[in-house]
Protein backbone atom coordinates (compact mmCIF):
# COMPACT_ATOMS: atom_id res chain seq x y z
CA UNK A 1 0.00 0.00 0.00
CA UNK A 2 1.26 3.44 -0.89
CA UNK A 3 1.68 6.13 1.77
CA UNK A 4 0.36 9.61 1.08
CA UNK A 5 2.73 12.55 1.46
CA UNK A 6 1.62 13.27 5.03
CA UNK A 7 2.16 9.67 6.09
CA UNK A 8 5.56 9.63 4.40
CA UNK A 9 6.49 12.79 6.29
CA UNK A 10 5.26 11.31 9.58
CA UNK A 11 7.22 8.10 9.00
CA UNK A 12 10.40 10.03 8.14
CA UNK A 13 9.98 12.19 11.24
CA UNK A 14 9.51 9.17 13.49
CA UNK A 15 12.50 7.39 11.98
CA UNK A 16 14.60 10.55 12.32
CA UNK A 17 13.70 10.98 15.97
CA UNK A 18 14.44 7.32 16.66
CA UNK A 19 17.82 7.73 14.96
CA UNK A 20 18.57 10.86 17.01
CA UNK A 21 17.83 8.95 20.22
CA UNK A 22 20.02 6.04 19.09
CA UNK A 23 22.93 8.41 18.37
CA UNK A 24 22.40 10.18 21.70
CA UNK A 25 22.69 6.85 23.52
CA UNK A 26 25.98 6.15 21.73
CA UNK A 27 27.38 9.51 22.85
CA UNK A 28 26.01 9.16 26.38
CA UNK A 29 27.57 5.70 26.72
CA UNK A 30 30.93 7.24 25.82
CA UNK A 31 30.47 9.86 28.55
CA UNK A 32 29.31 7.19 30.98
CA UNK A 33 32.52 5.24 30.39
CA UNK A 34 34.63 8.36 30.94
CA UNK A 35 32.82 9.11 34.19
CA UNK A 36 33.37 5.56 35.44
CA UNK A 37 37.07 5.78 34.60
CA UNK A 38 37.24 9.04 36.53
CA UNK A 39 35.61 7.36 39.52
CA UNK A 40 32.31 9.21 39.23
CA UNK A 41 29.99 6.24 39.61
CA UNK A 42 26.93 8.26 40.69
CA UNK A 43 26.82 10.33 37.49
CA UNK A 44 27.69 7.29 35.38
CA UNK A 45 24.68 5.46 36.81
CA UNK A 46 22.45 8.47 36.10
CA UNK A 47 23.56 8.43 32.47
CA UNK A 48 22.98 4.68 32.35
CA UNK A 49 19.36 5.24 33.44
CA UNK A 50 18.93 7.94 30.77
CA UNK A 51 20.27 5.56 28.15
CA UNK A 52 17.75 2.94 29.15
CA UNK A 53 14.92 5.46 28.83
CA UNK A 54 16.18 6.69 25.46
CA UNK A 55 16.53 3.15 24.14
CA UNK A 56 12.95 2.35 25.12
CA UNK A 57 11.70 5.54 23.48
CA UNK A 58 13.75 4.82 20.35
CA UNK A 59 12.13 1.39 20.07
CA UNK A 60 8.64 2.90 20.47
CA UNK A 61 9.26 5.49 17.77
CA UNK A 62 10.67 2.88 15.40
CA UNK A 63 7.58 0.75 16.07
CA UNK A 64 5.27 3.68 15.36
CA UNK A 65 7.12 4.29 12.07
CA UNK A 66 6.47 0.67 11.11
CA UNK A 67 2.80 1.07 12.03
CA UNK A 68 2.60 4.08 9.71
CA UNK A 69 4.17 1.97 6.95
CA UNK A 70 1.61 -0.79 7.59
CA UNK A 71 -1.21 1.80 7.57
CA UNK A 72 -2.12 1.02 11.19
CA UNK A 73 -1.48 4.71 11.85
CA UNK A 74 -2.48 7.13 9.11
CA UNK A 75 -2.41 10.84 8.52
CA UNK A 76 -4.46 12.67 5.94
CA UNK A 77 -3.12 16.17 6.47
CA UNK A 78 -0.24 17.88 8.23
CA UNK A 79 -0.93 18.91 11.78
PDB file of N, CA and C in Angstrom:
ATOM      1  N   UNK A   1       0.837  -1.175   0.000  1.00  0.00           N
ATOM      2  CA  UNK A   1       0.000   0.000   0.000  1.00  0.00           C
ATOM      3  C   UNK A   1       0.887   1.245   0.000  1.00  0.00           C
ATOM      4  N   UNK A   2       0.494   2.214  -0.795  1.00  0.00           N
ATOM      5  CA  UNK A   2       1.261   3.444  -0.887  1.00  0.00           C
ATOM      6  C   UNK A   2       0.903   4.389   0.254  1.00  0.00           C
ATOM      7  N   UNK A   3       1.908   5.121   0.738  1.00  0.00           N
ATOM      8  CA  UNK A   3       1.677   6.129   1.765  1.00  0.00           C
ATOM      9  C   UNK A   3       1.457   7.477   1.088  1.00  0.00           C
ATOM     10  N   UNK A   4       0.524   8.262   1.619  1.00  0.00           N
ATOM     11  CA  UNK A   4       0.360   9.606   1.079  1.00  0.00           C
ATOM     12  C   UNK A   4       1.504  10.480   1.597  1.00  0.00           C
ATOM     13  N   UNK A   5       1.585  11.694   1.100  1.00  0.00           N
ATOM     14  CA  UNK A   5       2.727  12.555   1.457  1.00  0.00           C
ATOM     15  C   UNK A   5       2.792  12.855   2.947  1.00  0.00           C
ATOM     16  N   UNK A   6       1.640  12.962   3.599  1.00  0.00           N
ATOM     17  CA  UNK A   6       1.619  13.266   5.029  1.00  0.00           C
ATOM     18  C   UNK A   6       2.086  12.068   5.856  1.00  0.00           C
ATOM     19  N   UNK A   7       1.701  10.887   5.415  1.00  0.00           N
ATOM     20  CA  UNK A   7       2.155   9.671   6.091  1.00  0.00           C
ATOM     21  C   UNK A   7       3.646   9.454   5.874  1.00  0.00           C
ATOM     22  N   UNK A   8       4.121   9.737   4.672  1.00  0.00           N
ATOM     23  CA  UNK A   8       5.556   9.628   4.403  1.00  0.00           C
ATOM     24  C   UNK A   8       6.347  10.583   5.293  1.00  0.00           C
ATOM     25  N   UNK A   9       5.833  11.804   5.440  1.00  0.00           N
ATOM     26  CA  UNK A   9       6.491  12.789   6.293  1.00  0.00           C
ATOM     27  C   UNK A   9       6.494  12.325   7.755  1.00  0.00           C
ATOM     28  N   UNK A  10       5.360  11.807   8.215  1.00  0.00           N
ATOM     29  CA  UNK A  10       5.260  11.305   9.584  1.00  0.00           C
ATOM     30  C   UNK A  10       6.247  10.169   9.812  1.00  0.00           C
ATOM     31  N   UNK A  11       6.301   9.234   8.868  1.00  0.00           N
ATOM     32  CA  UNK A  11       7.221   8.100   9.003  1.00  0.00           C
ATOM     33  C   UNK A  11       8.677   8.562   9.039  1.00  0.00           C
ATOM     34  N   UNK A  12       9.027   9.487   8.143  1.00  0.00           N
ATOM     35  CA  UNK A  12      10.396  10.028   8.141  1.00  0.00           C
ATOM     36  C   UNK A  12      10.720  10.722   9.462  1.00  0.00           C
ATOM     37  N   UNK A  13       9.766  11.501   9.971  1.00  0.00           N
ATOM     38  CA  UNK A  13       9.978  12.191  11.242  1.00  0.00           C
ATOM     39  C   UNK A  13      10.196  11.205  12.383  1.00  0.00           C
ATOM     40  N   UNK A  14       9.373  10.172  12.432  1.00  0.00           N
ATOM     41  CA  UNK A  14       9.507   9.167  13.492  1.00  0.00           C
ATOM     42  C   UNK A  14      10.835   8.431  13.387  1.00  0.00           C
ATOM     43  N   UNK A  15      11.217   8.062  12.172  1.00  0.00           N
ATOM     44  CA  UNK A  15      12.500   7.391  11.980  1.00  0.00           C
ATOM     45  C   UNK A  15      13.660   8.311  12.345  1.00  0.00           C
ATOM     46  N   UNK A  16      13.544   9.583  11.994  1.00  0.00           N
ATOM     47  CA  UNK A  16      14.600  10.547  12.323  1.00  0.00           C
ATOM     48  C   UNK A  16      14.757  10.730  13.822  1.00  0.00           C
ATOM     49  N   UNK A  17      13.643  10.847  14.512  1.00  0.00           N
ATOM     50  CA  UNK A  17      13.697  10.985  15.967  1.00  0.00           C
ATOM     51  C   UNK A  17      14.285   9.738  16.623  1.00  0.00           C
ATOM     52  N   UNK A  18      13.890   8.571  16.132  1.00  0.00           N
ATOM     53  CA  UNK A  18      14.443   7.321  16.661  1.00  0.00           C
ATOM     54  C   UNK A  18      15.956   7.276  16.439  1.00  0.00           C
ATOM     55  N   UNK A  19      16.387   7.702  15.272  1.00  0.00           N
ATOM     56  CA  UNK A  19      17.819   7.727  14.963  1.00  0.00           C
ATOM     57  C   UNK A  19      18.561   8.713  15.866  1.00  0.00           C
ATOM     58  N   UNK A  20      17.959   9.869  16.116  1.00  0.00           N
ATOM     59  CA  UNK A  20      18.571  10.856  17.013  1.00  0.00           C
ATOM     60  C   UNK A  20      18.751  10.281  18.415  1.00  0.00           C
ATOM     61  N   UNK A  21      17.735   9.572  18.892  1.00  0.00           N
ATOM     62  CA  UNK A  21      17.832   8.954  20.216  1.00  0.00           C
ATOM     63  C   UNK A  21      18.922   7.879  20.233  1.00  0.00           C
ATOM     64  N   UNK A  22      19.000   7.093  19.171  1.00  0.00           N
ATOM     65  CA  UNK A  22      20.023   6.045  19.087  1.00  0.00           C
ATOM     66  C   UNK A  22      21.423   6.669  19.138  1.00  0.00           C
ATOM     67  N   UNK A  23      21.627   7.733  18.377  1.00  0.00           N
ATOM     68  CA  UNK A  23      22.930   8.408  18.365  1.00  0.00           C
ATOM     69  C   UNK A  23      23.227   9.035  19.731  1.00  0.00           C
ATOM     70  N   UNK A  24      22.212   9.588  20.373  1.00  0.00           N
ATOM     71  CA  UNK A  24      22.397  10.178  21.704  1.00  0.00           C
ATOM     72  C   UNK A  24      22.853   9.127  22.706  1.00  0.00           C
ATOM     73  N   UNK A  25      22.291   7.937  22.614  1.00  0.00           N
ATOM     74  CA  UNK A  25      22.692   6.852  23.518  1.00  0.00           C
ATOM     75  C   UNK A  25      24.163   6.498  23.286  1.00  0.00           C
ATOM     76  N   UNK A  26      24.579   6.452  22.032  1.00  0.00           N
ATOM     77  CA  UNK A  26      25.983   6.149  21.731  1.00  0.00           C
ATOM     78  C   UNK A  26      26.897   7.178  22.398  1.00  0.00           C
ATOM     79  N   UNK A  27      26.558   8.448  22.259  1.00  0.00           N
ATOM     80  CA  UNK A  27      27.380   9.511  22.853  1.00  0.00           C
ATOM     81  C   UNK A  27      27.324   9.476  24.381  1.00  0.00           C
ATOM     82  N   UNK A  28      26.140   9.232  24.921  1.00  0.00           N
ATOM     83  CA  UNK A  28      26.014   9.165  26.376  1.00  0.00           C
ATOM     84  C   UNK A  28      26.785   7.977  26.947  1.00  0.00           C
ATOM     85  N   UNK A  29      26.796   6.863  26.252  1.00  0.00           N
ATOM     86  CA  UNK A  29      27.571   5.698  26.717  1.00  0.00           C
ATOM     87  C   UNK A  29      29.060   6.025  26.782  1.00  0.00           C
ATOM     88  N   UNK A  30      29.523   6.816  25.812  1.00  0.00           N
ATOM     89  CA  UNK A  30      30.929   7.241  25.823  1.00  0.00           C
ATOM     90  C   UNK A  30      31.208   8.098  27.063  1.00  0.00           C
ATOM     91  N   UNK A  31      30.305   9.026  27.363  1.00  0.00           N
ATOM     92  CA  UNK A  31      30.468   9.862  28.554  1.00  0.00           C
ATOM     93  C   UNK A  31      30.369   9.033  29.831  1.00  0.00           C
ATOM     94  N   UNK A  32      29.459   8.083  29.826  1.00  0.00           N
ATOM     95  CA  UNK A  32      29.307   7.187  30.982  1.00  0.00           C
ATOM     96  C   UNK A  32      30.622   6.464  31.275  1.00  0.00           C
ATOM     97  N   UNK A  33      31.248   5.958  30.228  1.00  0.00           N
ATOM     98  CA  UNK A  33      32.518   5.240  30.389  1.00  0.00           C
ATOM     99  C   UNK A  33      33.602   6.175  30.944  1.00  0.00           C
ATOM    100  N   UNK A  34      33.643   7.398  30.443  1.00  0.00           N
ATOM    101  CA  UNK A  34      34.630   8.359  30.943  1.00  0.00           C
ATOM    102  C   UNK A  34      34.391   8.685  32.411  1.00  0.00           C
ATOM    103  N   UNK A  35      33.132   8.831  32.790  1.00  0.00           N
ATOM    104  CA  UNK A  35      32.818   9.108  34.190  1.00  0.00           C
ATOM    105  C   UNK A  35      33.215   7.943  35.088  1.00  0.00           C
ATOM    106  N   UNK A  36      32.976   6.741  34.648  1.00  0.00           N
ATOM    107  CA  UNK A  36      33.371   5.562  35.436  1.00  0.00           C
ATOM    108  C   UNK A  36      34.892   5.514  35.606  1.00  0.00           C
ATOM    109  N   UNK A  37      35.604   5.786  34.526  1.00  0.00           N
ATOM    110  CA  UNK A  37      37.070   5.779  34.600  1.00  0.00           C
ATOM    111  C   UNK A  37      37.592   6.859  35.538  1.00  0.00           C
ATOM    112  N   UNK A  38      36.848   7.953  35.636  1.00  0.00           N
ATOM    113  CA  UNK A  38      37.241   9.043  36.529  1.00  0.00           C
ATOM    114  C   UNK A  38      36.778   8.794  37.961  1.00  0.00           C
ATOM    115  N   UNK A  39      36.064   7.701  38.179  1.00  0.00           N
ATOM    116  CA  UNK A  39      35.611   7.361  39.524  1.00  0.00           C
ATOM    117  C   UNK A  39      34.293   8.002  39.910  1.00  0.00           C
ATOM    118  N   UNK A  40      33.581   8.544  38.957  1.00  0.00           N
ATOM    119  CA  UNK A  40      32.309   9.208  39.233  1.00  0.00           C
ATOM    120  C   UNK A  40      31.158   8.246  38.931  1.00  0.00           C
ATOM    121  N   UNK A  41      30.973   7.294  39.814  1.00  0.00           N
ATOM    122  CA  UNK A  41      29.987   6.236  39.613  1.00  0.00           C
ATOM    123  C   UNK A  41      28.559   6.759  39.679  1.00  0.00           C
ATOM    124  N   UNK A  42      28.296   7.740  40.529  1.00  0.00           N
ATOM    125  CA  UNK A  42      26.930   8.262  40.694  1.00  0.00           C
ATOM    126  C   UNK A  42      26.431   8.866  39.378  1.00  0.00           C
ATOM    127  N   UNK A  43      27.230   9.727  38.756  1.00  0.00           N
ATOM    128  CA  UNK A  43      26.818  10.333  37.491  1.00  0.00           C
ATOM    129  C   UNK A  43      26.789   9.302  36.367  1.00  0.00           C
ATOM    130  N   UNK A  44      27.684   8.344  36.391  1.00  0.00           N
ATOM    131  CA  UNK A  44      27.694   7.285  35.382  1.00  0.00           C
ATOM    132  C   UNK A  44      26.399   6.481  35.455  1.00  0.00           C
ATOM    133  N   UNK A  45      25.932   6.204  36.658  1.00  0.00           N
ATOM    134  CA  UNK A  45      24.680   5.465  36.812  1.00  0.00           C
ATOM    135  C   UNK A  45      23.484   6.292  36.343  1.00  0.00           C
ATOM    136  N   UNK A  46      23.537   7.601  36.567  1.00  0.00           N
ATOM    137  CA  UNK A  46      22.451   8.471  36.097  1.00  0.00           C
ATOM    138  C   UNK A  46      22.387   8.450  34.574  1.00  0.00           C
ATOM    139  N   UNK A  47      23.530   8.496  33.938  1.00  0.00           N
ATOM    140  CA  UNK A  47      23.565   8.429  32.475  1.00  0.00           C
ATOM    141  C   UNK A  47      23.081   7.070  31.992  1.00  0.00           C
ATOM    142  N   UNK A  48      23.436   6.036  32.710  1.00  0.00           N
ATOM    143  CA  UNK A  48      22.984   4.685  32.350  1.00  0.00           C
ATOM    144  C   UNK A  48      21.459   4.602  32.366  1.00  0.00           C
ATOM    145  N   UNK A  49      20.825   5.227  33.367  1.00  0.00           N
ATOM    146  CA  UNK A  49      19.361   5.241  33.443  1.00  0.00           C
ATOM    147  C   UNK A  49      18.762   6.029  32.269  1.00  0.00           C
ATOM    148  N   UNK A  50      19.387   7.159  31.927  1.00  0.00           N
ATOM    149  CA  UNK A  50      18.925   7.936  30.773  1.00  0.00           C
ATOM    150  C   UNK A  50      19.010   7.121  29.489  1.00  0.00           C
ATOM    151  N   UNK A  51      20.093   6.398  29.339  1.00  0.00           N
ATOM    152  CA  UNK A  51      20.271   5.563  28.145  1.00  0.00           C
ATOM    153  C   UNK A  51      19.179   4.516  28.042  1.00  0.00           C
ATOM    154  N   UNK A  52      18.815   3.936  29.151  1.00  0.00           N
ATOM    155  CA  UNK A  52      17.748   2.935  29.148  1.00  0.00           C
ATOM    156  C   UNK A  52      16.424   3.563  28.711  1.00  0.00           C
ATOM    157  N   UNK A  53      16.146   4.755  29.225  1.00  0.00           N
ATOM    158  CA  UNK A  53      14.924   5.456  28.830  1.00  0.00           C
ATOM    159  C   UNK A  53      14.937   5.781  27.342  1.00  0.00           C
ATOM    160  N   UNK A  54      16.060   6.315  26.866  1.00  0.00           N
ATOM    161  CA  UNK A  54      16.180   6.687  25.457  1.00  0.00           C
ATOM    162  C   UNK A  54      16.048   5.472  24.553  1.00  0.00           C
ATOM    163  N   UNK A  55      16.624   4.359  24.955  1.00  0.00           N
ATOM    164  CA  UNK A  55      16.526   3.149  24.136  1.00  0.00           C
ATOM    165  C   UNK A  55      15.078   2.665  24.042  1.00  0.00           C
ATOM    166  N   UNK A  56      14.361   2.735  25.136  1.00  0.00           N
ATOM    167  CA  UNK A  56      12.953   2.352  25.121  1.00  0.00           C
ATOM    168  C   UNK A  56      12.136   3.276  24.224  1.00  0.00           C
ATOM    169  N   UNK A  57      12.410   4.571  24.318  1.00  0.00           N
ATOM    170  CA  UNK A  57      11.701   5.535  23.479  1.00  0.00           C
ATOM    171  C   UNK A  57      12.052   5.356  22.008  1.00  0.00           C
ATOM    172  N   UNK A  58      13.308   5.057  21.728  1.00  0.00           N
ATOM    173  CA  UNK A  58      13.746   4.821  20.350  1.00  0.00           C
ATOM    174  C   UNK A  58      13.008   3.629  19.756  1.00  0.00           C
ATOM    175  N   UNK A  59      12.852   2.574  20.531  1.00  0.00           N
ATOM    176  CA  UNK A  59      12.131   1.391  20.068  1.00  0.00           C
ATOM    177  C   UNK A  59      10.654   1.704  19.809  1.00  0.00           C
ATOM    178  N   UNK A  60      10.041   2.513  20.674  1.00  0.00           N
ATOM    179  CA  UNK A  60       8.644   2.901  20.474  1.00  0.00           C
ATOM    180  C   UNK A  60       8.484   3.689  19.177  1.00  0.00           C
ATOM    181  N   UNK A  61       9.360   4.673  18.976  1.00  0.00           N
ATOM    182  CA  UNK A  61       9.258   5.491  17.770  1.00  0.00           C
ATOM    183  C   UNK A  61       9.468   4.659  16.509  1.00  0.00           C
ATOM    184  N   UNK A  62      10.429   3.763  16.551  1.00  0.00           N
ATOM    185  CA  UNK A  62      10.666   2.884  15.397  1.00  0.00           C
ATOM    186  C   UNK A  62       9.433   2.012  15.146  1.00  0.00           C
ATOM    187  N   UNK A  63       8.807   1.545  16.201  1.00  0.00           N
ATOM    188  CA  UNK A  63       7.579   0.748  16.072  1.00  0.00           C
ATOM    189  C   UNK A  63       6.443   1.563  15.480  1.00  0.00           C
ATOM    190  N   UNK A  64       6.303   2.817  15.922  1.00  0.00           N
ATOM    191  CA  UNK A  64       5.270   3.685  15.356  1.00  0.00           C
ATOM    192  C   UNK A  64       5.525   3.922  13.867  1.00  0.00           C
ATOM    193  N   UNK A  65       6.781   4.097  13.483  1.00  0.00           N
ATOM    194  CA  UNK A  65       7.122   4.291  12.068  1.00  0.00           C
ATOM    195  C   UNK A  65       6.698   3.070  11.255  1.00  0.00           C
ATOM    196  N   UNK A  66       6.897   1.889  11.806  1.00  0.00           N
ATOM    197  CA  UNK A  66       6.473   0.672  11.108  1.00  0.00           C
ATOM    198  C   UNK A  66       4.950   0.576  11.030  1.00  0.00           C
ATOM    199  N   UNK A  67       4.262   1.063  12.065  1.00  0.00           N
ATOM    200  CA  UNK A  67       2.800   1.074  12.034  1.00  0.00           C
ATOM    201  C   UNK A  67       2.283   2.031  10.968  1.00  0.00           C
ATOM    202  N   UNK A  68       2.971   3.157  10.782  1.00  0.00           N
ATOM    203  CA  UNK A  68       2.600   4.084   9.706  1.00  0.00           C
ATOM    204  C   UNK A  68       2.772   3.378   8.365  1.00  0.00           C
ATOM    205  N   UNK A  69       3.901   2.692   8.202  1.00  0.00           N
ATOM    206  CA  UNK A  69       4.172   1.974   6.949  1.00  0.00           C
ATOM    207  C   UNK A  69       3.092   0.924   6.676  1.00  0.00           C
ATOM    208  N   UNK A  70       2.628   0.252   7.732  1.00  0.00           N
ATOM    209  CA  UNK A  70       1.610  -0.791   7.593  1.00  0.00           C
ATOM    210  C   UNK A  70       0.191  -0.223   7.552  1.00  0.00           C
ATOM    211  N   UNK A  71       0.083   1.102   7.600  1.00  0.00           N
ATOM    212  CA  UNK A  71      -1.213   1.796   7.574  1.00  0.00           C
ATOM    213  C   UNK A  71      -2.059   1.543   8.818  1.00  0.00           C
ATOM    214  N   UNK A  72      -1.413   1.137   9.905  1.00  0.00           N
ATOM    215  CA  UNK A  72      -2.125   1.024  11.187  1.00  0.00           C
ATOM    216  C   UNK A  72      -2.356   2.435  11.730  1.00  0.00           C
ATOM    217  N   UNK A  73      -1.377   3.298  11.502  1.00  0.00           N
ATOM    218  CA  UNK A  73      -1.484   4.715  11.850  1.00  0.00           C
ATOM    219  C   UNK A  73      -1.488   5.463  10.521  1.00  0.00           C
ATOM    220  N   UNK A  74      -2.440   6.381  10.352  1.00  0.00           N
ATOM    221  CA  UNK A  74      -2.478   7.128   9.106  1.00  0.00           C
ATOM    222  C   UNK A  74      -2.626   8.618   9.407  1.00  0.00           C
ATOM    223  N   UNK A  75      -2.298   9.395   8.412  1.00  0.00           N
ATOM    224  CA  UNK A  75      -2.410  10.838   8.517  1.00  0.00           C
ATOM    225  C   UNK A  75      -2.884  11.346   7.157  1.00  0.00           C
ATOM    226  N   UNK A  76      -3.904  12.153   7.191  1.00  0.00           N
ATOM    227  CA  UNK A  76      -4.463  12.667   5.937  1.00  0.00           C
ATOM    228  C   UNK A  76      -4.104  14.118   5.660  1.00  0.00           C
ATOM    229  N   UNK A  77      -3.593  14.806   6.683  1.00  0.00           N
ATOM    230  CA  UNK A  77      -3.125  16.175   6.471  1.00  0.00           C
ATOM    231  C   UNK A  77      -2.096  16.493   7.542  1.00  0.00           C
ATOM    232  N   UNK A  78      -1.263  17.466   7.262  1.00  0.00           N
ATOM    233  CA  UNK A  78      -0.243  17.884   8.228  1.00  0.00           C
ATOM    234  C   UNK A  78      -0.909  18.545   9.416  1.00  0.00           C
ATOM    235  N   UNK A  79      -0.344  18.313  10.576  1.00  0.00           N
ATOM    236  CA  UNK A  79      -0.927  18.914  11.783  1.00  0.00           C
ATOM    237  C   UNK A  79       0.029  19.887  12.391  1.00  0.00           C
TER     238      UNK A  79
END
